[in-house]
Amino acid sequence: MEFREIDRSNYWDCISLTVDDSQKWFVADNKRSLVEATYEDGLYTLGVYHEDTMVGFILYDFDDTIPGWSMSRFMIGKQYQGKGYGKQAVVAFLDYFKKKHNADRLYISVSLDNAIARRMYSDLSFEEIKEVAYSSSGRQFREMQMVKKL
């Protein structure tokens, strides 16, 4: 797995990646994430590559409300799911992130309904901290905040 910043050379590949309809409430659309990263300070975007193909996307930031670093968005395109790329990408990102930011922990939030992702993160030694509920765009969300000590 390799990570490349999203820029004018690869943003079309990024916005072309989508998740299955059954997963669309688990992660924001990549277009929205790229717009947010353009207009909000401190959001970092990365394409997840397997060989020379973008298979996924990560948005991460320092979240003052935690306070700490958070992998706010992570997705693997629907056509690349089921190949182990998700777990490989998270493991590689943890190494990349630790080297780049010298942080001692990374936070994530996972939908309570996303059993597959919660299990994957638990298998990677993320610890569940607390349940978080919020509303956005008129929709209610319930997530589990998790942390990985690096």
Protein backbone atom coordinates (compact mmCIF):
# COMPACT_ATOMS: atom_id res chain seq x y z
CA MET A 1 0.00 0.00 0.00
CA GLU A 2 1.13 3.50 -0.80
CA PHE A 3 -0.33 6.92 -0.02
CA ARG A 4 -0.35 9.94 -2.32
CA GLU A 5 -1.72 13.36 -1.52
CA ILE A 6 -4.83 14.23 -3.47
CA ASP A 7 -3.99 16.89 -6.05
CA ARG A 8 -4.95 17.87 -9.57
CA SER A 9 -3.31 14.72 -10.97
CA ASN A 10 -5.54 12.27 -9.08
CA TYR A 11 -8.64 14.00 -7.74
CA TRP A 12 -10.85 12.53 -10.49
CA ASP A 13 -9.78 9.04 -9.44
CA CYS A 14 -10.68 9.94 -5.86
CA ILE A 15 -14.16 11.28 -6.61
CA SER A 16 -14.84 8.26 -8.83
CA LEU A 17 -14.43 5.92 -5.85
CA THR A 18 -17.73 5.10 -4.19
CA VAL A 19 -19.00 2.63 -1.63
CA ASP A 20 -21.91 0.25 -2.01
CA ASP A 21 -25.37 1.77 -1.41
CA SER A 22 -25.62 -0.26 1.82
CA GLN A 23 -22.54 1.61 3.13
CA LYS A 24 -23.32 5.15 2.02
CA TRP A 25 -24.32 6.33 5.52
CA PHE A 26 -21.06 5.06 7.03
CA VAL A 27 -18.73 7.57 5.34
CA ALA A 28 -19.15 10.92 3.60
CA ASP A 29 -18.87 11.03 -0.17
CA ASN A 30 -15.31 11.73 -1.35
CA LYS A 31 -16.45 14.85 -3.23
CA ARG A 32 -17.70 16.34 0.02
CA SER A 33 -14.47 15.43 1.81
CA LEU A 34 -12.35 17.09 -0.89
CA VAL A 35 -14.44 20.27 -0.75
CA GLU A 36 -14.15 20.37 3.04
CA ALA A 37 -10.37 19.87 2.80
CA THR A 38 -10.13 22.73 0.32
CA TYR A 39 -11.98 25.23 2.49
CA GLU A 40 -11.17 24.10 6.04
CA ASP A 41 -7.71 24.33 7.56
CA GLY A 42 -5.85 21.29 8.79
CA LEU A 43 -7.56 18.53 6.80
CA TYR A 44 -5.21 16.13 5.02
CA THR A 45 -6.31 13.97 2.08
CA LEU A 46 -4.61 10.84 0.81
CA GLY A 47 -5.30 8.40 -1.96
CA VAL A 48 -4.74 4.77 -1.00
CA TYR A 49 -2.90 2.97 -3.78
CA HIS A 50 -2.36 -0.68 -4.54
CA GLU A 51 0.37 -0.70 -7.15
CA ASP A 52 -0.61 2.26 -9.38
CA THR A 53 -4.37 2.06 -8.81
CA MET A 54 -6.19 4.25 -6.30
CA VAL A 55 -8.33 1.84 -4.30
CA GLY A 56 -9.31 4.06 -1.37
CA PHE A 57 -9.28 7.42 0.34
CA ILE A 58 -8.29 8.80 3.75
CA LEU A 59 -9.01 12.18 5.30
CA TYR A 60 -7.34 12.91 8.63
CA ASP A 61 -6.95 15.92 10.88
CA PHE A 62 -6.17 17.17 14.35
CA ASP A 63 -9.54 17.37 16.10
CA ASP A 64 -9.59 20.02 18.83
CA THR A 65 -12.74 18.53 20.35
CA ILE A 66 -10.98 15.25 21.25
CA PRO A 67 -8.20 16.72 21.40
CA GLY A 68 -6.07 14.53 19.17
CA TRP A 69 -5.38 13.26 15.68
CA SER A 70 -8.32 11.58 13.97
CA MET A 71 -8.72 9.50 10.83
CA SER A 72 -12.02 11.19 10.02
CA ARG A 73 -12.77 9.41 6.77
CA PHE A 74 -11.60 6.10 5.38
CA MET A 75 -13.05 4.17 2.50
CA ILE A 76 -12.16 1.48 0.00
CA GLY A 77 -13.97 1.68 -3.34
CA LYS A 78 -16.73 -0.89 -3.77
CA GLN A 79 -14.95 -2.56 -6.69
CA TYR A 80 -11.86 -3.16 -4.48
CA GLN A 81 -13.60 -4.40 -1.34
CA GLY A 82 -13.22 -7.97 -0.15
CA LYS A 83 -9.55 -8.17 -1.20
CA GLY A 84 -7.99 -7.28 2.16
CA TYR A 85 -7.10 -3.75 1.09
CA GLY A 86 -8.95 -2.12 3.99
CA LYS A 87 -6.95 -3.82 6.71
CA GLN A 88 -3.68 -3.47 4.76
CA ALA A 89 -4.35 0.24 4.24
CA VAL A 90 -5.08 0.92 7.92
CA VAL A 91 -1.92 -0.92 9.03
CA ALA A 92 0.18 0.98 6.47
CA PHE A 93 -1.47 4.29 7.39
CA LEU A 94 -0.70 3.80 11.09
CA ASP A 95 3.00 3.47 10.20
CA TYR A 96 2.88 6.41 7.76
CA PHE A 97 1.02 8.58 10.25
CA LYS A 98 3.33 7.82 13.20
CA LYS A 99 6.43 8.65 11.13
CA LYS A 100 4.95 11.84 9.69
CA HIS A 101 3.39 13.29 12.85
CA ASN A 102 5.21 11.52 15.69
CA ALA A 103 1.87 11.11 17.47
CA ASP A 104 1.23 8.57 20.21
CA ARG A 105 -2.40 7.77 19.34
CA LEU A 106 -4.98 7.96 16.57
CA TYR A 107 -8.74 8.29 17.02
CA ILE A 108 -11.51 7.07 14.73
CA SER A 109 -15.29 6.95 14.87
CA VAL A 110 -17.23 4.04 13.41
CA SER A 111 -20.96 3.76 12.86
CA LEU A 112 -22.56 1.46 15.41
CA ASP A 113 -24.23 -0.26 12.45
CA ASN A 114 -20.93 -0.98 10.69
CA ALA A 115 -20.07 -4.30 12.34
CA ILE A 116 -17.44 -5.23 9.74
CA ALA A 117 -15.41 -2.04 10.30
CA ARG A 118 -15.74 -2.23 14.09
CA ARG A 119 -14.42 -5.79 14.03
CA MET A 120 -11.53 -4.85 11.73
CA TYR A 121 -10.47 -1.96 13.97
CA SER A 122 -10.79 -4.12 17.09
CA ASP A 123 -8.61 -6.76 15.40
CA LEU A 124 -6.02 -4.00 14.86
CA SER A 125 -6.06 -3.16 18.60
CA PHE A 126 -8.22 -0.05 18.45
CA GLU A 127 -9.99 0.30 21.77
CA GLU A 128 -13.60 1.43 22.08
CA ILE A 129 -13.89 4.60 24.17
CA LYS A 130 -17.45 5.88 24.05
CA GLU A 131 -20.61 6.10 22.01
CA VAL A 132 -21.21 9.44 20.28
CA ALA A 133 -24.51 10.67 18.82
CA TYR A 134 -24.99 13.71 16.58
CA SER A 135 -27.12 14.98 13.72
CA SER A 136 -26.00 16.27 10.34
CA SER A 137 -28.09 17.28 7.34
CA GLY A 138 -31.24 16.28 9.22
CA ARG A 139 -30.03 12.74 9.88
CA GLN A 140 -29.11 11.16 13.23
CA PHE A 141 -25.79 9.33 13.56
CA ARG A 142 -24.56 7.01 16.32
CA GLU A 143 -20.89 6.11 16.33
CA MET A 144 -18.32 4.41 18.51
CA GLN A 145 -15.22 6.48 19.16
CA MET A 146 -12.11 4.30 19.18
CA VAL A 147 -8.41 4.91 19.77
CA LYS A 148 -5.20 3.15 18.80
CA LYS A 149 -2.08 3.75 20.88
CA LEU A 150 0.93 3.98 18.59
